[in-house]
Amino acid sequence: MNGFEVTWTKDGNDGLKKFENGLFDLCVLDIMMPEKDGFTLAKEIREIDSDVPFIFLTAKALKVDKLKGFRLGCDDYVVKPVDEELFIARVRAIINRSSAQAGQHLSDCNTFWIGKYHFNPREQTLILDKKVAKLTTKETKVLKMLCQQKNQLVDRPKILKLVWGQNDFFNRKSMDVFIHKLRFKLKDDPAVKVSNVHGKGFILEDPEEVKKVY
């Protein structure tokens, strides 16, 4: 009715499974749920995707519960009963803010050193010893995300959300192909690796510290 595609789950465990296999712009979590409470589910969601926004929508109105919710990183804490119109306005505001931040994150025009390689996202080039390799747009976006979190885990759902826009079987397979292509283009520096953390995501491993040129 309000233009959202919504996935509903019956309990906390089902919610975690749906999140692991889907792609979401926002999570709305009750706290008192069967199988797994909302606080626990929020922690587990954060371990999978540290950026996805979430709202607690609950009957628990005590200050201690609200504080716990915000400590877990919730973007809002709404106590039932709720005014539907106001709630939808909150949802839209959070999604719009999150989308703008994600777009800005990818649009920065830094260049990077990856081991012996010089990576220029604006020109979509990877240079080693004056040899220039041209990257596709998707290769550039994926490699830039890995560079921005160098030597750290980058979540698979996050890459799919920001680069492919949808998390489904075909896009996951497509992403694996692009990761393979990037590994091939980085193969001439054995110190650099793109490692797969099964079921989680990828790490761009580089013993050297990131160097950014503005």
C-alpha atoms as a PDB file:
ATOM      1  CA  MET A   1       0.000   0.000   0.000  1.00  0.00           C
ATOM      2  CA  ASN A   2       2.907   2.351   0.685  1.00  0.00           C
ATOM      3  CA  GLY A   3       5.212   1.221  -2.103  1.00  0.00           C
ATOM      4  CA  PHE A   4       7.466  -1.131  -0.122  1.00  0.00           C
ATOM      5  CA  GLU A   5       8.351  -4.738  -0.827  1.00  0.00           C
ATOM      6  CA  VAL A   6       8.019  -6.393   2.585  1.00  0.00           C
ATOM      7  CA  THR A   7       9.239  -9.770   3.836  1.00  0.00           C
ATOM      8  CA  TRP A   8       7.488 -10.923   7.032  1.00  0.00           C
ATOM      9  CA  THR A   9       8.898 -13.634   9.288  1.00  0.00           C
ATOM     10  CA  LYS A  10       7.216 -15.587  12.053  1.00  0.00           C
ATOM     11  CA  ASP A  11      10.066 -15.667  14.590  1.00  0.00           C
ATOM     12  CA  GLY A  12      13.659 -14.564  15.223  1.00  0.00           C
ATOM     13  CA  ASN A  13      15.315 -17.635  13.716  1.00  0.00           C
ATOM     14  CA  ASP A  14      13.253 -17.341  10.550  1.00  0.00           C
ATOM     15  CA  GLY A  15      14.109 -13.648  10.433  1.00  0.00           C
ATOM     16  CA  LEU A  16      17.843 -14.379  10.501  1.00  0.00           C
ATOM     17  CA  LYS A  17      17.512 -16.948   7.696  1.00  0.00           C
ATOM     18  CA  LYS A  18      15.544 -14.519   5.546  1.00  0.00           C
ATOM     19  CA  PHE A  19      18.138 -11.797   6.142  1.00  0.00           C
ATOM     20  CA  GLU A  20      21.051 -14.094   5.267  1.00  0.00           C
ATOM     21  CA  ASN A  21      19.407 -15.043   1.964  1.00  0.00           C
ATOM     22  CA  GLY A  22      17.900 -11.692   1.017  1.00  0.00           C
ATOM     23  CA  LEU A  23      18.749  -8.065   0.396  1.00  0.00           C
ATOM     24  CA  PHE A  24      17.080  -5.442   2.587  1.00  0.00           C
ATOM     25  CA  ASP A  25      17.154  -1.648   2.907  1.00  0.00           C
ATOM     26  CA  LEU A  26      15.722  -1.698   6.445  1.00  0.00           C
ATOM     27  CA  CYS A  27      14.833  -4.174   9.184  1.00  0.00           C
ATOM     28  CA  VAL A  28      11.884  -3.655  11.551  1.00  0.00           C
ATOM     29  CA  LEU A  29      12.366  -5.820  14.642  1.00  0.00           C
ATOM     30  CA  ASP A  30       9.991  -6.696  17.440  1.00  0.00           C
ATOM     31  CA  ILE A  31      11.737  -7.542  20.710  1.00  0.00           C
ATOM     32  CA  MET A  32       9.451 -10.195  22.211  1.00  0.00           C
ATOM     33  CA  MET A  33       9.532 -12.828  19.471  1.00  0.00           C
ATOM     34  CA  PRO A  34       9.440 -16.648  19.532  1.00  0.00           C
ATOM     35  CA  GLU A  35      12.702 -18.622  19.201  1.00  0.00           C
ATOM     36  CA  LYS A  36      14.998 -15.570  19.266  1.00  0.00           C
ATOM     37  CA  ASP A  37      14.371 -12.126  20.790  1.00  0.00           C
ATOM     38  CA  GLY A  38      14.857  -8.910  18.829  1.00  0.00           C
ATOM     39  CA  PHE A  39      17.962  -7.788  20.712  1.00  0.00           C
ATOM     40  CA  THR A  40      19.763 -11.040  19.847  1.00  0.00           C
ATOM     41  CA  LEU A  41      18.580 -10.872  16.238  1.00  0.00           C
ATOM     42  CA  ALA A  42      19.849  -7.278  15.950  1.00  0.00           C
ATOM     43  CA  LYS A  43      23.332  -8.352  17.118  1.00  0.00           C
ATOM     44  CA  GLU A  44      23.412 -11.192  14.575  1.00  0.00           C
ATOM     45  CA  ILE A  45      22.217  -8.938  11.743  1.00  0.00           C
ATOM     46  CA  ARG A  46      24.960  -6.447  12.619  1.00  0.00           C
ATOM     47  CA  GLU A  47      27.569  -9.235  12.347  1.00  0.00           C
ATOM     48  CA  ILE A  48      26.381  -9.938   8.795  1.00  0.00           C
ATOM     49  CA  ASP A  49      25.909  -6.314   7.651  1.00  0.00           C
ATOM     50  CA  SER A  50      27.268  -3.513   9.808  1.00  0.00           C
ATOM     51  CA  ASP A  51      25.470  -0.804   7.800  1.00  0.00           C
ATOM     52  CA  VAL A  52      21.876  -1.955   7.322  1.00  0.00           C
ATOM     53  CA  PRO A  53      19.518   0.311   9.328  1.00  0.00           C
ATOM     54  CA  PHE A  54      16.960  -1.160  11.707  1.00  0.00           C
ATOM     55  CA  ILE A  55      14.039  -0.013  13.854  1.00  0.00           C
ATOM     56  CA  PHE A  56      12.734  -1.648  17.015  1.00  0.00           C
ATOM     57  CA  LEU A  57       8.917  -1.712  16.982  1.00  0.00           C
ATOM     58  CA  THR A  58       7.830  -3.062  20.346  1.00  0.00           C
ATOM     59  CA  ALA A  59       5.511  -2.892  23.345  1.00  0.00           C
ATOM     60  CA  LYS A  60       8.534  -2.675  25.691  1.00  0.00           C
ATOM     61  CA  ALA A  61       8.458   0.949  26.830  1.00  0.00           C
ATOM     62  CA  LEU A  62      10.933   0.928  29.723  1.00  0.00           C
ATOM     63  CA  LYS A  63      13.882   3.311  29.522  1.00  0.00           C
ATOM     64  CA  VAL A  64      16.329   0.423  30.076  1.00  0.00           C
ATOM     65  CA  ASP A  65      14.999  -1.346  26.970  1.00  0.00           C
ATOM     66  CA  LYS A  66      15.175   1.815  24.860  1.00  0.00           C
ATOM     67  CA  LEU A  67      18.760   2.419  25.933  1.00  0.00           C
ATOM     68  CA  LYS A  68      19.686  -1.179  25.124  1.00  0.00           C
ATOM     69  CA  GLY A  69      18.139  -0.780  21.673  1.00  0.00           C
ATOM     70  CA  PHE A  70      20.130   2.356  20.885  1.00  0.00           C
ATOM     71  CA  ARG A  71      23.343   0.795  22.226  1.00  0.00           C
ATOM     72  CA  LEU A  72      22.826  -1.990  19.704  1.00  0.00           C
ATOM     73  CA  GLY A  73      22.764   0.655  16.977  1.00  0.00           C
ATOM     74  CA  CYS A  74      19.088   0.955  16.128  1.00  0.00           C
ATOM     75  CA  ASP A  75      18.083   3.958  14.021  1.00  0.00           C
ATOM     76  CA  ASP A  76      14.798   4.378  15.874  1.00  0.00           C
ATOM     77  CA  TYR A  77      12.863   2.822  18.766  1.00  0.00           C
ATOM     78  CA  VAL A  78       9.081   2.957  18.346  1.00  0.00           C
ATOM     79  CA  VAL A  79       6.704   1.907  21.130  1.00  0.00           C
ATOM     80  CA  LYS A  80       3.326   0.333  20.292  1.00  0.00           C
ATOM     81  CA  PRO A  81       0.616   1.371  19.650  1.00  0.00           C
ATOM     82  CA  VAL A  82       1.975   3.220  16.648  1.00  0.00           C
ATOM     83  CA  ASP A  83       0.582   5.889  14.357  1.00  0.00           C
ATOM     84  CA  GLU A  84       0.912   4.261  10.923  1.00  0.00           C
ATOM     85  CA  GLU A  85       1.388   7.512   9.009  1.00  0.00           C
ATOM     86  CA  LEU A  86       4.185   8.680  11.319  1.00  0.00           C
ATOM     87  CA  PHE A  87       5.819   5.261  11.275  1.00  0.00           C
ATOM     88  CA  ILE A  88       5.889   5.173   7.462  1.00  0.00           C
ATOM     89  CA  ALA A  89       7.422   8.667   7.472  1.00  0.00           C
ATOM     90  CA  ARG A  90      10.189   7.425   9.829  1.00  0.00           C
ATOM     91  CA  VAL A  91      10.835   4.412   7.608  1.00  0.00           C
ATOM     92  CA  ARG A  92      11.146   6.571   4.490  1.00  0.00           C
ATOM     93  CA  ALA A  93      13.470   9.046   6.221  1.00  0.00           C
ATOM     94  CA  ILE A  94      15.821   6.296   7.420  1.00  0.00           C
ATOM     95  CA  ILE A  95      15.913   4.528   4.043  1.00  0.00           C
ATOM     96  CA  ASN A  96      16.562   7.804   2.191  1.00  0.00           C
ATOM     97  CA  ARG A  97      19.370   8.753   4.568  1.00  0.00           C
ATOM     98  CA  SER A  98      20.949   5.304   4.339  1.00  0.00           C
ATOM     99  CA  SER A  99      20.781   5.283   0.521  1.00  0.00           C
ATOM    100  CA  ALA A 100      22.376   8.735   0.312  1.00  0.00           C
ATOM    101  CA  GLN A 101      25.237   7.673   2.592  1.00  0.00           C
ATOM    102  CA  ALA A 102      25.825   4.509   0.568  1.00  0.00           C
ATOM    103  CA  GLY A 103      25.915   6.474  -2.674  1.00  0.00           C
ATOM    104  CA  GLN A 104      28.382   8.978  -1.233  1.00  0.00           C
ATOM    105  CA  HIS A 105      30.571   6.123   0.003  1.00  0.00           C
ATOM    106  CA  LEU A 106      30.953   4.821  -3.536  1.00  0.00           C
ATOM    107  CA  SER A 107      31.266   8.192  -5.270  1.00  0.00           C
ATOM    108  CA  ASP A 108      34.461   9.425  -3.554  1.00  0.00           C
ATOM    109  CA  CYS A 109      37.244   9.864  -6.116  1.00  0.00           C
ATOM    110  CA  ASN A 110      40.251   8.644  -4.147  1.00  0.00           C
ATOM    111  CA  THR A 111      42.954   6.612  -5.810  1.00  0.00           C
ATOM    112  CA  PHE A 112      44.572   3.681  -4.038  1.00  0.00           C
ATOM    113  CA  TRP A 113      47.760   1.669  -3.847  1.00  0.00           C
ATOM    114  CA  ILE A 114      47.142  -2.073  -3.730  1.00  0.00           C
ATOM    115  CA  GLY A 115      50.571  -3.586  -3.143  1.00  0.00           C
ATOM    116  CA  LYS A 116      52.522  -2.591  -6.272  1.00  0.00           C
ATOM    117  CA  TYR A 117      49.360  -1.651  -8.184  1.00  0.00           C
ATOM    118  CA  HIS A 118      47.969   1.863  -8.561  1.00  0.00           C
ATOM    119  CA  PHE A 119      44.164   1.812  -8.754  1.00  0.00           C
ATOM    120  CA  ASN A 120      42.272   4.813 -10.140  1.00  0.00           C
ATOM    121  CA  PRO A 121      38.482   4.364  -9.765  1.00  0.00           C
ATOM    122  CA  ARG A 122      37.665   7.516 -11.762  1.00  0.00           C
ATOM    123  CA  GLU A 123      39.608   6.284 -14.814  1.00  0.00           C
ATOM    124  CA  GLN A 124      38.768   2.626 -14.062  1.00  0.00           C
ATOM    125  CA  THR A 125      42.410   1.610 -14.389  1.00  0.00           C
ATOM    126  CA  LEU A 126      44.823  -0.692 -12.578  1.00  0.00           C
ATOM    127  CA  ILE A 127      48.475   0.128 -13.286  1.00  0.00           C
ATOM    128  CA  LEU A 128      51.590  -1.961 -12.605  1.00  0.00           C
ATOM    129  CA  ASP A 129      55.004  -1.000 -14.020  1.00  0.00           C
ATOM    130  CA  LYS A 130      53.402   1.273 -16.623  1.00  0.00           C
ATOM    131  CA  LYS A 131      51.138  -1.564 -17.788  1.00  0.00           C
ATOM    132  CA  VAL A 132      47.550  -0.376 -17.712  1.00  0.00           C
ATOM    133  CA  ALA A 133      44.621  -2.759 -17.217  1.00  0.00           C
ATOM    134  CA  LYS A 134      41.182  -1.333 -17.928  1.00  0.00           C
ATOM    135  CA  LEU A 135      38.425  -2.339 -15.496  1.00  0.00           C
ATOM    136  CA  THR A 136      34.699  -2.608 -16.102  1.00  0.00           C
ATOM    137  CA  THR A 137      32.329  -0.436 -14.079  1.00  0.00           C
ATOM    138  CA  LYS A 138      31.317  -3.326 -11.807  1.00  0.00           C
ATOM    139  CA  GLU A 139      34.945  -4.435 -11.344  1.00  0.00           C
ATOM    140  CA  THR A 140      35.794  -0.866 -10.353  1.00  0.00           C
ATOM    141  CA  LYS A 141      32.962  -0.616  -7.840  1.00  0.00           C
ATOM    142  CA  VAL A 142      33.761  -3.977  -6.240  1.00  0.00           C
ATOM    143  CA  LEU A 143      37.491  -3.280  -6.032  1.00  0.00           C
ATOM    144  CA  LYS A 144      36.859   0.171  -4.571  1.00  0.00           C
ATOM    145  CA  MET A 145      34.678  -1.285  -1.828  1.00  0.00           C
ATOM    146  CA  LEU A 146      37.419  -3.783  -1.006  1.00  0.00           C
ATOM    147  CA  CYS A 147      40.021  -0.978  -0.943  1.00  0.00           C
ATOM    148  CA  GLN A 148      37.905   1.170   1.344  1.00  0.00           C
ATOM    149  CA  GLN A 149      37.884  -1.670   3.876  1.00  0.00           C
ATOM    150  CA  LYS A 150      41.320  -3.057   3.113  1.00  0.00           C
ATOM    151  CA  ASN A 151      42.352  -6.056   5.240  1.00  0.00           C
ATOM    152  CA  GLN A 152      38.811  -6.166   6.640  1.00  0.00           C
ATOM    153  CA  LEU A 153      35.813  -8.324   5.817  1.00  0.00           C
ATOM    154  CA  VAL A 154      33.408  -6.803   3.274  1.00  0.00           C
ATOM    155  CA  ASP A 155      29.985  -8.454   3.518  1.00  0.00           C
ATOM    156  CA  ARG A 156      28.618 -10.239   0.445  1.00  0.00           C
ATOM    157  CA  PRO A 157      25.123  -8.721   0.943  1.00  0.00           C
ATOM    158  CA  LYS A 158      26.648  -5.243   1.132  1.00  0.00           C
ATOM    159  CA  ILE A 159      28.489  -5.685  -2.193  1.00  0.00           C
ATOM    160  CA  LEU A 160      25.370  -7.084  -3.838  1.00  0.00           C
ATOM    161  CA  LYS A 161      23.241  -4.224  -2.514  1.00  0.00           C
ATOM    162  CA  LEU A 162      25.533  -1.411  -3.620  1.00  0.00           C
ATOM    163  CA  VAL A 163      26.815  -2.863  -6.914  1.00  0.00           C
ATOM    164  CA  TRP A 164      24.153  -5.263  -8.231  1.00  0.00           C
ATOM    165  CA  GLY A 165      21.109  -3.863  -6.444  1.00  0.00           C
ATOM    166  CA  GLN A 166      19.607  -7.282  -5.764  1.00  0.00           C
ATOM    167  CA  ASN A 167      20.654 -10.413  -3.889  1.00  0.00           C
ATOM    168  CA  ASP A 168      19.570 -13.458  -5.870  1.00  0.00           C
ATOM    169  CA  PHE A 169      21.197 -16.638  -7.169  1.00  0.00           C
ATOM    170  CA  PHE A 170      22.237 -15.186 -10.530  1.00  0.00           C
ATOM    171  CA  ASN A 171      23.717 -11.997  -9.062  1.00  0.00           C
ATOM    172  CA  ARG A 172      25.649 -13.991  -6.457  1.00  0.00           C
ATOM    173  CA  LYS A 173      27.121 -16.121  -9.237  1.00  0.00           C
ATOM    174  CA  SER A 174      27.879 -12.980 -11.254  1.00  0.00           C
ATOM    175  CA  MET A 175      29.699 -11.447  -8.275  1.00  0.00           C
ATOM    176  CA  ASP A 176      31.834 -14.587  -7.892  1.00  0.00           C
ATOM    177  CA  VAL A 177      32.856 -14.267 -11.546  1.00  0.00           C
ATOM    178  CA  PHE A 178      33.893 -10.622 -11.018  1.00  0.00           C
ATOM    179  CA  ILE A 179      35.915 -11.560  -7.929  1.00  0.00           C
ATOM    180  CA  HIS A 180      37.704 -14.207 -10.023  1.00  0.00           C
ATOM    181  CA  LYS A 181      38.478 -11.592 -12.698  1.00  0.00           C
ATOM    182  CA  LEU A 182      39.886  -9.199 -10.082  1.00  0.00           C
ATOM    183  CA  ARG A 183      42.099 -11.943  -8.669  1.00  0.00           C
ATOM    184  CA  PHE A 184      43.475 -12.549 -12.155  1.00  0.00           C
ATOM    185  CA  LYS A 185      44.183  -8.846 -12.703  1.00  0.00           C
ATOM    186  CA  LEU A 186      46.011  -8.635  -9.351  1.00  0.00           C
ATOM    187  CA  LYS A 187      48.007 -11.854  -9.841  1.00  0.00           C
ATOM    188  CA  ASP A 188      51.344 -10.168 -10.677  1.00  0.00           C
ATOM    189  CA  ASP A 189      51.797  -9.060  -7.071  1.00  0.00           C
ATOM    190  CA  PRO A 190      51.845 -12.263  -4.969  1.00  0.00           C
ATOM    191  CA  ALA A 191      51.556 -10.242  -1.741  1.00  0.00           C
ATOM    192  CA  VAL A 192      48.020  -9.171  -2.702  1.00  0.00           C
ATOM    193  CA  LYS A 193      45.076 -11.567  -2.263  1.00  0.00           C
ATOM    194  CA  VAL A 194      41.308 -11.420  -2.435  1.00  0.00           C
ATOM    195  CA  SER A 195      40.232 -14.032   0.100  1.00  0.00           C
ATOM    196  CA  ASN A 196      36.793 -15.579   0.386  1.00  0.00           C
ATOM    197  CA  VAL A 197      35.356 -15.999   3.895  1.00  0.00           C
ATOM    198  CA  HIS A 198      32.761 -18.724   3.350  1.00  0.00           C
ATOM    199  CA  GLY A 199      29.210 -17.512   3.873  1.00  0.00           C
ATOM    200  CA  LYS A 200      30.374 -14.028   4.912  1.00  0.00           C
ATOM    201  CA  GLY A 201      32.208 -12.055   2.239  1.00  0.00           C
ATOM    202  CA  PHE A 202      35.651 -11.074   0.941  1.00  0.00           C
ATOM    203  CA  ILE A 203      38.866  -9.549   2.262  1.00  0.00           C
ATOM    204  CA  LEU A 204      41.407  -7.650   0.160  1.00  0.00           C
ATOM    205  CA  GLU A 205      44.659  -8.699   1.829  1.00  0.00           C
ATOM    206  CA  ASP A 206      47.605  -6.348   1.386  1.00  0.00           C
ATOM    207  CA  PRO A 207      50.566  -6.212   3.789  1.00  0.00           C
ATOM    208  CA  GLU A 208      51.122  -2.567   2.989  1.00  0.00           C
ATOM    209  CA  GLU A 209      49.071   0.193   4.558  1.00  0.00           C
ATOM    210  CA  VAL A 210      46.451   1.873   2.375  1.00  0.00           C
ATOM    211  CA  LYS A 211      47.702   5.021   0.646  1.00  0.00           C
ATOM    212  CA  LYS A 212      45.089   7.471  -0.596  1.00  0.00           C
ATOM    213  CA  VAL A 213      45.753  10.323  -3.020  1.00  0.00           C
ATOM    214  CA  TYR A 214      43.120  13.032  -3.190  1.00  0.00           C
END
